[in-house]
C-alpha atoms as a PDB file:
ATOM      1  CA  MET A   1      13.265 -20.669  27.242  1.00  0.00           C
ATOM      2  CA  ILE A   2      10.170 -18.822  28.428  1.00  0.00           C
ATOM      3  CA  GLY A   3       9.313 -17.934  32.031  1.00  0.00           C
ATOM      4  CA  ASP A   4       6.210 -19.046  33.925  1.00  0.00           C
ATOM      5  CA  VAL A   5       3.002 -18.436  31.957  1.00  0.00           C
ATOM      6  CA  VAL A   6       0.483 -16.867  34.362  1.00  0.00           C
ATOM      7  CA  GLY A   7      -3.222 -17.366  33.604  1.00  0.00           C
ATOM      8  CA  ASP A   8      -5.166 -16.217  30.560  1.00  0.00           C
ATOM      9  CA  PRO A   9      -3.156 -12.990  30.112  1.00  0.00           C
ATOM     10  CA  GLY A  10      -0.012 -15.105  29.882  1.00  0.00           C
ATOM     11  CA  LEU A  11      -1.568 -17.535  27.426  1.00  0.00           C
ATOM     12  CA  GLU A  12      -2.892 -14.698  25.272  1.00  0.00           C
ATOM     13  CA  VAL A  13       0.440 -12.879  25.002  1.00  0.00           C
ATOM     14  CA  LEU A  14       2.196 -16.211  24.399  1.00  0.00           C
ATOM     15  CA  ASP A  15      -0.221 -16.908  21.513  1.00  0.00           C
ATOM     16  CA  ARG A  16       0.661 -13.570  19.934  1.00  0.00           C
ATOM     17  CA  ARG A  17       4.342 -13.216  20.630  1.00  0.00           C
ATOM     18  CA  LEU A  18       5.970 -16.650  20.803  1.00  0.00           C
ATOM     19  CA  PRO A  19       5.630 -17.493  17.080  1.00  0.00           C
ATOM     20  CA  ILE A  20       7.188 -14.104  16.250  1.00  0.00           C
ATOM     21  CA  LEU A  21      10.035 -14.609  18.732  1.00  0.00           C
ATOM     22  CA  ILE A  22      10.732 -18.077  17.325  1.00  0.00           C
ATOM     23  CA  SER A  23      10.932 -16.646  13.821  1.00  0.00           C
ATOM     24  CA  GLU A  24      12.994 -13.581  14.773  1.00  0.00           C
ATOM     25  CA  ASN A  25      15.543 -15.691  16.652  1.00  0.00           C
ATOM     26  CA  SER A  26      15.519 -18.738  14.332  1.00  0.00           C
ATOM     27  CA  ALA A  27      14.883 -20.843  17.428  1.00  0.00           C
ATOM     28  CA  ASP A  28      15.538 -24.561  16.999  1.00  0.00           C
ATOM     29  CA  PHE A  29      14.095 -25.669  20.346  1.00  0.00           C
ATOM     30  CA  VAL A  30      11.639 -23.951  22.708  1.00  0.00           C
ATOM     31  CA  ILE A  31      10.888 -24.636  26.378  1.00  0.00           C
ATOM     32  CA  VAL A  32       7.996 -22.924  28.178  1.00  0.00           C
ATOM     33  CA  ASN A  33       7.273 -23.172  31.905  1.00  0.00           C
ATOM     34  CA  GLY A  34       3.493 -23.611  32.164  1.00  0.00           C
ATOM     35  CA  GLU A  35       2.866 -24.394  35.824  1.00  0.00           C
ATOM     36  CA  ASN A  36       0.782 -21.234  36.419  1.00  0.00           C
ATOM     37  CA  ALA A  37      -1.237 -21.324  33.196  1.00  0.00           C
ATOM     38  CA  ALA A  38      -4.532 -22.474  34.753  1.00  0.00           C
ATOM     39  CA  ALA A  39      -5.774 -19.281  36.462  1.00  0.00           C
ATOM     40  CA  GLY A  40      -2.389 -18.955  38.144  1.00  0.00           C
ATOM     41  CA  PHE A  41      -2.168 -22.443  39.638  1.00  0.00           C
ATOM     42  CA  GLY A  42      -1.402 -25.607  37.686  1.00  0.00           C
ATOM     43  CA  LEU A  43      -2.182 -26.760  34.166  1.00  0.00           C
ATOM     44  CA  THR A  44      -5.123 -28.169  32.238  1.00  0.00           C
ATOM     45  CA  ASP A  45      -5.121 -30.203  29.035  1.00  0.00           C
ATOM     46  CA  ALA A  46      -6.475 -27.189  27.153  1.00  0.00           C
ATOM     47  CA  ASN A  47      -3.695 -24.953  28.526  1.00  0.00           C
ATOM     48  CA  LEU A  48      -1.072 -27.509  27.561  1.00  0.00           C
ATOM     49  CA  GLN A  49      -2.286 -27.843  23.977  1.00  0.00           C
ATOM     50  CA  ARG A  50      -2.450 -24.073  23.647  1.00  0.00           C
ATOM     51  CA  ILE A  51       1.187 -23.723  24.754  1.00  0.00           C
ATOM     52  CA  PHE A  52       2.244 -26.403  22.280  1.00  0.00           C
ATOM     53  CA  ALA A  53       0.280 -24.674  19.522  1.00  0.00           C
ATOM     54  CA  ALA A  54       2.145 -21.421  20.233  1.00  0.00           C
ATOM     55  CA  GLY A  55       5.423 -23.209  19.474  1.00  0.00           C
ATOM     56  CA  ALA A  56       6.719 -24.938  22.616  1.00  0.00           C
ATOM     57  CA  ASP A  57       8.603 -28.188  22.151  1.00  0.00           C
ATOM     58  CA  VAL A  58       8.544 -29.011  25.883  1.00  0.00           C
ATOM     59  CA  VAL A  59       6.485 -27.611  28.765  1.00  0.00           C
ATOM     60  CA  THR A  60       8.173 -27.607  32.166  1.00  0.00           C
ATOM     61  CA  SER A  61       6.617 -26.941  35.561  1.00  0.00           C
ATOM     62  CA  GLY A  62       7.266 -26.807  39.298  1.00  0.00           C
ATOM     63  CA  ASN A  63       5.540 -27.101  42.636  1.00  0.00           C
ATOM     64  CA  HIS A  64       2.158 -25.878  41.312  1.00  0.00           C
ATOM     65  CA  VAL A  65       1.883 -28.646  38.714  1.00  0.00           C
ATOM     66  CA  TRP A  66      -0.039 -30.723  41.267  1.00  0.00           C
ATOM     67  CA  GLU A  67      -2.825 -28.136  41.741  1.00  0.00           C
ATOM     68  CA  LYS A  68      -5.199 -29.653  39.150  1.00  0.00           C
ATOM     69  CA  ARG A  69      -5.603 -33.321  40.022  1.00  0.00           C
ATOM     70  CA  GLU A  70      -7.536 -33.956  36.799  1.00  0.00           C
ATOM     71  CA  PHE A  71      -4.350 -33.036  34.910  1.00  0.00           C
ATOM     72  CA  TRP A  72      -2.209 -35.712  36.548  1.00  0.00           C
ATOM     73  CA  PRO A  73      -2.958 -38.387  33.889  1.00  0.00           C
ATOM     74  CA  ALA A  74      -1.475 -36.057  31.257  1.00  0.00           C
ATOM     75  CA  LEU A  75       1.810 -36.104  33.172  1.00  0.00           C
ATOM     76  CA  ASP A  76       1.982 -39.824  32.400  1.00  0.00           C
ATOM     77  CA  SER A  77       0.546 -39.803  28.863  1.00  0.00           C
ATOM     78  CA  GLU A  78       2.263 -36.745  27.330  1.00  0.00           C
ATOM     79  CA  GLU A  79       6.049 -37.073  27.314  1.00  0.00           C
ATOM     80  CA  ARG A  80       6.579 -33.404  26.408  1.00  0.00           C
ATOM     81  CA  VAL A  81       5.183 -32.067  29.694  1.00  0.00           C
ATOM     82  CA  LEU A  82       7.470 -32.433  32.699  1.00  0.00           C
ATOM     83  CA  ARG A  83       7.243 -32.198  36.458  1.00  0.00           C
ATOM     84  CA  PRO A  84      10.389 -31.738  38.574  1.00  0.00           C
ATOM     85  CA  MET A  85      12.511 -34.869  38.359  1.00  0.00           C
ATOM     86  CA  ASN A  86      13.495 -34.914  42.026  1.00  0.00           C
ATOM     87  CA  TYR A  87      10.019 -35.591  43.412  1.00  0.00           C
ATOM     88  CA  PRO A  88      10.009 -38.987  45.147  1.00  0.00           C
ATOM     89  CA  GLN A  89       9.567 -42.138  43.129  1.00  0.00           C
ATOM     90  CA  GLY A  90       5.911 -42.989  42.555  1.00  0.00           C
ATOM     91  CA  CYS A  91       4.727 -39.469  41.666  1.00  0.00           C
ATOM     92  CA  PRO A  92       2.917 -39.159  38.335  1.00  0.00           C
ATOM     93  CA  GLY A  93       4.861 -38.054  35.304  1.00  0.00           C
ATOM     94  CA  ARG A  94       8.493 -37.704  34.363  1.00  0.00           C
ATOM     95  CA  GLY A  95      11.203 -35.142  34.998  1.00  0.00           C
ATOM     96  CA  TRP A  96      13.195 -35.279  31.792  1.00  0.00           C
ATOM     97  CA  VAL A  97      12.746 -36.063  28.116  1.00  0.00           C
ATOM     98  CA  LYS A  98      15.002 -36.588  25.126  1.00  0.00           C
ATOM     99  CA  LEU A  99      13.633 -35.346  21.809  1.00  0.00           C
ATOM    100  CA  GLU A 100      15.217 -35.296  18.380  1.00  0.00           C
ATOM    101  CA  LYS A 101      14.456 -32.530  15.917  1.00  0.00           C
ATOM    102  CA  PRO A 102      15.733 -31.858  12.414  1.00  0.00           C
ATOM    103  CA  SER A 103      17.721 -28.677  11.872  1.00  0.00           C
ATOM    104  CA  PRO A 104      19.677 -27.124   9.008  1.00  0.00           C
ATOM    105  CA  TRP A 105      22.707 -28.955  10.484  1.00  0.00           C
ATOM    106  CA  GLY A 106      21.013 -32.342  10.671  1.00  0.00           C
ATOM    107  CA  GLN A 107      19.224 -34.192  13.442  1.00  0.00           C
ATOM    108  CA  VAL A 108      19.787 -32.748  16.916  1.00  0.00           C
ATOM    109  CA  ALA A 109      19.030 -34.526  20.198  1.00  0.00           C
ATOM    110  CA  TRP A 110      17.727 -32.267  22.961  1.00  0.00           C
ATOM    111  CA  VAL A 111      17.483 -33.373  26.596  1.00  0.00           C
ATOM    112  CA  THR A 112      15.228 -31.217  28.776  1.00  0.00           C
ATOM    113  CA  VAL A 113      15.533 -31.650  32.542  1.00  0.00           C
ATOM    114  CA  ASN A 114      13.123 -30.184  35.102  1.00  0.00           C
ATOM    115  CA  LEU A 115      14.386 -29.919  38.702  1.00  0.00           C
ATOM    116  CA  GLN A 116      13.043 -28.227  41.833  1.00  0.00           C
ATOM    117  CA  GLY A 117      14.923 -26.549  44.652  1.00  0.00           C
ATOM    118  CA  ARG A 118      14.669 -27.300  48.356  1.00  0.00           C
ATOM    119  CA  GLU A 119      15.697 -24.052  50.094  1.00  0.00           C
ATOM    120  CA  PHE A 120      12.548 -22.251  51.362  1.00  0.00           C
ATOM    121  CA  MET A 121      10.412 -24.904  49.625  1.00  0.00           C
ATOM    122  CA  LYS A 122       9.008 -28.293  50.578  1.00  0.00           C
ATOM    123  CA  ALA A 123      11.642 -30.932  51.243  1.00  0.00           C
ATOM    124  CA  ILE A 124      11.998 -33.297  48.307  1.00  0.00           C
ATOM    125  CA  ASP A 125      14.889 -35.325  46.905  1.00  0.00           C
ATOM    126  CA  CYS A 126      18.241 -33.657  46.245  1.00  0.00           C
ATOM    127  CA  PRO A 127      18.369 -31.951  42.812  1.00  0.00           C
ATOM    128  CA  PHE A 128      22.158 -32.363  42.645  1.00  0.00           C
ATOM    129  CA  LYS A 129      22.023 -36.121  43.216  1.00  0.00           C
ATOM    130  CA  ALA A 130      18.994 -36.464  40.940  1.00  0.00           C
ATOM    131  CA  PHE A 131      20.911 -34.987  38.013  1.00  0.00           C
ATOM    132  CA  ASP A 132      23.952 -37.153  38.776  1.00  0.00           C
ATOM    133  CA  ALA A 133      21.754 -40.263  38.623  1.00  0.00           C
ATOM    134  CA  LEU A 134      20.169 -39.153  35.359  1.00  0.00           C
ATOM    135  CA  GLU A 135      23.523 -38.391  33.762  1.00  0.00           C
ATOM    136  CA  ALA A 136      24.854 -41.802  34.754  1.00  0.00           C
ATOM    137  CA  GLY A 137      21.902 -43.440  33.007  1.00  0.00           C
ATOM    138  CA  LEU A 138      22.056 -41.451  29.777  1.00  0.00           C
ATOM    139  CA  GLU A 139      23.710 -43.035  26.791  1.00  0.00           C
ATOM    140  CA  ASP A 140      27.219 -41.685  26.347  1.00  0.00           C
ATOM    141  CA  PRO A 141      26.846 -38.920  28.956  1.00  0.00           C
ATOM    142  CA  SER A 142      30.427 -37.779  28.371  1.00  0.00           C
ATOM    143  CA  GLY A 143      29.537 -36.731  24.845  1.00  0.00           C
ATOM    144  CA  GLY A 144      32.043 -39.065  23.222  1.00  0.00           C
ATOM    145  CA  GLY A 145      31.563 -40.609  19.811  1.00  0.00           C
ATOM    146  CA  ASN A 146      30.118 -38.595  16.968  1.00  0.00           C
ATOM    147  CA  ALA A 147      29.534 -34.942  17.801  1.00  0.00           C
ATOM    148  CA  ALA A 148      26.268 -35.106  15.867  1.00  0.00           C
ATOM    149  CA  GLU A 149      24.980 -37.665  18.391  1.00  0.00           C
ATOM    150  CA  LYS A 150      25.781 -35.601  21.477  1.00  0.00           C
ATOM    151  CA  PRO A 151      22.585 -34.425  23.173  1.00  0.00           C
ATOM    152  CA  LEU A 152      22.275 -30.803  24.191  1.00  0.00           C
ATOM    153  CA  VAL A 153      21.060 -30.655  27.795  1.00  0.00           C
ATOM    154  CA  LEU A 154      18.802 -27.818  28.987  1.00  0.00           C
ATOM    155  CA  VAL A 155      17.706 -27.466  32.629  1.00  0.00           C
ATOM    156  CA  ASP A 156      14.737 -25.615  34.122  1.00  0.00           C
ATOM    157  CA  PHE A 157      15.544 -25.284  37.832  1.00  0.00           C
ATOM    158  CA  HIS A 158      12.361 -24.250  39.645  1.00  0.00           C
ATOM    159  CA  ALA A 159      13.630 -22.810  42.901  1.00  0.00           C
ATOM    160  CA  GLU A 160      13.186 -19.996  45.418  1.00  0.00           C
ATOM    161  CA  SER A 161      16.793 -19.460  46.461  1.00  0.00           C
ATOM    162  CA  SER A 162      19.164 -17.578  44.169  1.00  0.00           C
ATOM    163  CA  ARG A 163      22.067 -19.167  46.032  1.00  0.00           C
ATOM    164  CA  GLU A 164      20.762 -22.661  45.325  1.00  0.00           C
ATOM    165  CA  LYS A 165      20.209 -21.809  41.648  1.00  0.00           C
ATOM    166  CA  GLU A 166      23.731 -20.473  41.213  1.00  0.00           C
ATOM    167  CA  ALA A 167      25.174 -23.421  43.124  1.00  0.00           C
ATOM    168  CA  LEU A 168      23.500 -25.959  40.838  1.00  0.00           C
ATOM    169  CA  ALA A 169      24.563 -23.978  37.769  1.00  0.00           C
ATOM    170  CA  TYR A 170      28.222 -24.098  38.773  1.00  0.00           C
ATOM    171  CA  TYR A 171      27.847 -27.752  39.742  1.00  0.00           C
ATOM    172  CA  LEU A 172      26.536 -28.560  36.244  1.00  0.00           C
ATOM    173  CA  ASP A 173      28.799 -26.160  34.341  1.00  0.00           C
ATOM    174  CA  GLY A 174      30.472 -28.145  31.571  1.00  0.00           C
ATOM    175  CA  ARG A 175      27.790 -30.841  31.824  1.00  0.00           C
ATOM    176  CA  VAL A 176      24.763 -28.930  30.510  1.00  0.00           C
ATOM    177  CA  SER A 177      24.315 -26.267  27.847  1.00  0.00           C
ATOM    178  CA  VAL A 178      21.778 -24.097  29.684  1.00  0.00           C
ATOM    179  CA  LEU A 179      20.471 -23.798  33.240  1.00  0.00           C
ATOM    180  CA  ALA A 180      17.674 -21.292  33.723  1.00  0.00           C
ATOM    181  CA  GLY A 181      15.902 -20.611  36.991  1.00  0.00           C
ATOM    182  CA  THR A 182      12.136 -20.260  37.276  1.00  0.00           C
ATOM    183  CA  HIS A 183       9.558 -19.796  40.073  1.00  0.00           C
ATOM    184  CA  THR A 184      10.052 -16.238  41.377  1.00  0.00           C
ATOM    185  CA  HIS A 185       8.406 -14.576  38.334  1.00  0.00           C
ATOM    186  CA  VAL A 186      10.930 -11.709  38.556  1.00  0.00           C
ATOM    187  CA  GLN A 187      13.425 -11.658  35.702  1.00  0.00           C
ATOM    188  CA  THR A 188      17.009 -11.246  36.861  1.00  0.00           C
ATOM    189  CA  ALA A 189      19.759  -9.332  35.055  1.00  0.00           C
ATOM    190  CA  ASP A 190      22.597 -11.807  35.688  1.00  0.00           C
ATOM    191  CA  GLU A 191      22.509 -13.741  32.418  1.00  0.00           C
ATOM    192  CA  ARG A 192      25.981 -14.991  31.502  1.00  0.00           C
ATOM    193  CA  VAL A 193      27.962 -17.917  30.161  1.00  0.00           C
ATOM    194  CA  LEU A 194      29.796 -19.699  32.987  1.00  0.00           C
ATOM    195  CA  PRO A 195      33.499 -20.648  32.626  1.00  0.00           C
ATOM    196  CA  LYS A 196      32.887 -24.166  31.259  1.00  0.00           C
ATOM    197  CA  GLY A 197      30.152 -23.155  28.822  1.00  0.00           C
ATOM    198  CA  CYS A 198      26.802 -23.276  30.644  1.00  0.00           C
ATOM    199  CA  ALA A 199      24.453 -20.382  29.826  1.00  0.00           C
ATOM    200  CA  TYR A 200      22.845 -19.245  33.082  1.00  0.00           C
ATOM    201  CA  ILE A 201      20.205 -16.872  34.431  1.00  0.00           C
ATOM    202  CA  THR A 202      18.820 -16.930  37.974  1.00  0.00           C
ATOM    203  CA  ASP A 203      15.222 -16.406  36.839  1.00  0.00           C
ATOM    204  CA  LEU A 204      13.547 -16.224  33.433  1.00  0.00           C
ATOM    205  CA  GLY A 205      10.781 -13.978  34.745  1.00  0.00           C
ATOM    206  CA  MET A 206       7.149 -14.546  33.810  1.00  0.00           C
ATOM    207  CA  THR A 207       4.748 -14.328  30.910  1.00  0.00           C
ATOM    208  CA  GLY A 208       1.568 -12.423  31.697  1.00  0.00           C
ATOM    209  CA  ALA A 209       0.047  -9.136  32.857  1.00  0.00           C
ATOM    210  CA  GLN A 210       2.598  -6.554  33.940  1.00  0.00           C
ATOM    211  CA  ASN A 211       0.405  -4.447  36.255  1.00  0.00           C
ATOM    212  CA  GLY A 212       0.077  -6.937  39.101  1.00  0.00           C
ATOM    213  CA  ILE A 213       2.480  -8.507  41.582  1.00  0.00           C
ATOM    214  CA  ILE A 214       4.247 -11.517  40.054  1.00  0.00           C
ATOM    215  CA  GLY A 215       1.308 -11.712  37.642  1.00  0.00           C
ATOM    216  CA  MET A 216      -1.338 -11.795  40.354  1.00  0.00           C
ATOM    217  CA  ASP A 217      -3.987  -9.254  41.363  1.00  0.00           C
ATOM    218  CA  LEU A 218      -2.401  -6.166  42.908  1.00  0.00           C
ATOM    219  CA  LYS A 219      -5.011  -5.493  45.602  1.00  0.00           C
ATOM    220  CA  ILE A 220      -5.162  -9.090  46.804  1.00  0.00           C
ATOM    221  CA  CYS A 221      -1.367  -9.279  47.056  1.00  0.00           C
ATOM    222  CA  LEU A 222      -1.251  -6.028  49.021  1.00  0.00           C
ATOM    223  CA  ASP A 223      -4.018  -7.195  51.363  1.00  0.00           C
ATOM    224  CA  ARG A 224      -2.189 -10.467  51.993  1.00  0.00           C
ATOM    225  CA  ALA A 225       1.037  -8.608  52.772  1.00  0.00           C
ATOM    226  CA  ARG A 226      -0.574  -6.001  55.041  1.00  0.00           C
ATOM    227  CA  ASN A 227      -3.034  -8.220  56.887  1.00  0.00           C
ATOM    228  CA  GLN A 228      -1.186 -11.542  56.822  1.00  0.00           C
ATOM    229  CA  VAL A 229      -4.451 -13.217  55.786  1.00  0.00           C
ATOM    230  CA  LEU A 230      -4.194 -15.786  53.000  1.00  0.00           C
ATOM    231  CA  TYR A 231      -6.858 -14.353  50.722  1.00  0.00           C
ATOM    232  CA  ARG A 232      -7.394 -16.444  47.603  1.00  0.00           C
ATOM    233  CA  MET A 233      -4.998 -15.289  44.890  1.00  0.00           C
ATOM    234  CA  GLU A 234      -6.317 -14.304  41.469  1.00  0.00           C
ATOM    235  CA  VAL A 235      -4.524 -13.560  38.209  1.00  0.00           C
ATOM    236  CA  ALA A 236      -4.031  -9.876  37.409  1.00  0.00           C
ATOM    237  CA  ALA A 237      -6.061  -8.557  34.492  1.00  0.00           C
ATOM    238  CA  PRO A 238      -4.145  -6.468  31.947  1.00  0.00           C
ATOM    239  CA  ASP A 239      -4.582  -2.730  32.509  1.00  0.00           C
ATOM    240  CA  SER A 240      -6.471  -0.411  30.164  1.00  0.00           C
ATOM    241  CA  GLU A 241      -3.537  -0.524  27.773  1.00  0.00           C
ATOM    242  CA  GLY A 242      -3.492  -4.313  27.871  1.00  0.00           C
ATOM    243  CA  LYS A 243       0.143  -4.508  28.914  1.00  0.00           C
ATOM    244  CA  SER A 244       1.391  -8.068  28.997  1.00  0.00           C
ATOM    245  CA  ALA A 245       4.820  -9.464  28.188  1.00  0.00           C
ATOM    246  CA  VAL A 246       6.735 -12.605  27.363  1.00  0.00           C
ATOM    247  CA  GLN A 247       9.947 -12.942  29.368  1.00  0.00           C
ATOM    248  CA  GLY A 248      12.733 -15.462  29.026  1.00  0.00           C
ATOM    249  CA  ILE A 249      16.043 -16.026  27.286  1.00  0.00           C
ATOM    250  CA  VAL A 250      17.525 -16.948  23.940  1.00  0.00           C
ATOM    251  CA  ALA A 251      20.734 -19.001  24.117  1.00  0.00           C
ATOM    252  CA  GLU A 252      23.035 -19.877  21.246  1.00  0.00           C
ATOM    253  CA  ILE A 253      24.788 -23.228  21.612  1.00  0.00           C
ATOM    254  CA  ASP A 254      27.727 -24.745  19.744  1.00  0.00           C
ATOM    255  CA  ARG A 255      26.338 -28.023  18.517  1.00  0.00           C
ATOM    256  CA  GLU A 256      29.671 -29.828  18.407  1.00  0.00           C
ATOM    257  CA  THR A 257      30.859 -28.940  21.921  1.00  0.00           C
ATOM    258  CA  GLY A 258      27.496 -28.405  23.624  1.00  0.00           C
ATOM    259  CA  LYS A 259      28.849 -25.159  25.082  1.00  0.00           C
ATOM    260  CA  ALA A 260      26.809 -21.980  25.053  1.00  0.00           C
ATOM    261  CA  ILE A 261      28.115 -19.177  22.879  1.00  0.00           C
ATOM    262  CA  SER A 262      25.779 -16.481  24.124  1.00  0.00           C
ATOM    263  CA  ILE A 263      22.665 -15.787  26.195  1.00  0.00           C
ATOM    264  CA  LYS A 264      20.343 -12.786  26.015  1.00  0.00           C
ATOM    265  CA  ARG A 265      17.200 -11.786  27.890  1.00  0.00           C
ATOM    266  CA  LEU A 266      13.810 -11.393  26.237  1.00  0.00           C
END
């Protein structure tokens, strides 16, 4: 799972590094958060196809997915791009998808869920209740029957509050294989496997230029902080050494139980 891709620097480093990371880690399924790919705010069709071409199976998002109105039709037409599931009914797009992919161990069903937090963010529907409703509607949510048919559930929780992220992770522990936080663009060092088998990290970090502030232009961010004037944000350009990075996690999951075996930061 890869943290928020920020602008062209993020797309460029993703182009270069993601195929290598997939190969090095023998990754079976890849999720990339792309909500900041279009100059820092939102997505375009071209951005989306570029992220898929780099190796993403699913592209998740968050509150900035609505920034480019011309992209909204893609939220309905392309099942592999998600917006947070707990936006009110009637919003474009979908918040979860089930995909099957072949693997050396046979066909594996992957369920990707995109949720958004409410603490310090706009009030939307409850992410806890939204997942409960989804789980109730999934076929065989308890994982009974053949182990090979049990879907592996991965959650991108796009939220501001670390407390809310940890709370949802413990709430879903034993029900999902991975819950990774996004949105803050600052990678946390608390990756771990929770007691019932959910791999967790509070924030994946970001993919983009490393010489700005959360991927955005250093001077503009400083001016906003000092002057309290909402100057228009711009994506940071890589420095003279071109330093950009891909940040995220690699999780290993036991296919039969759906429990995570390990999680490591990228």
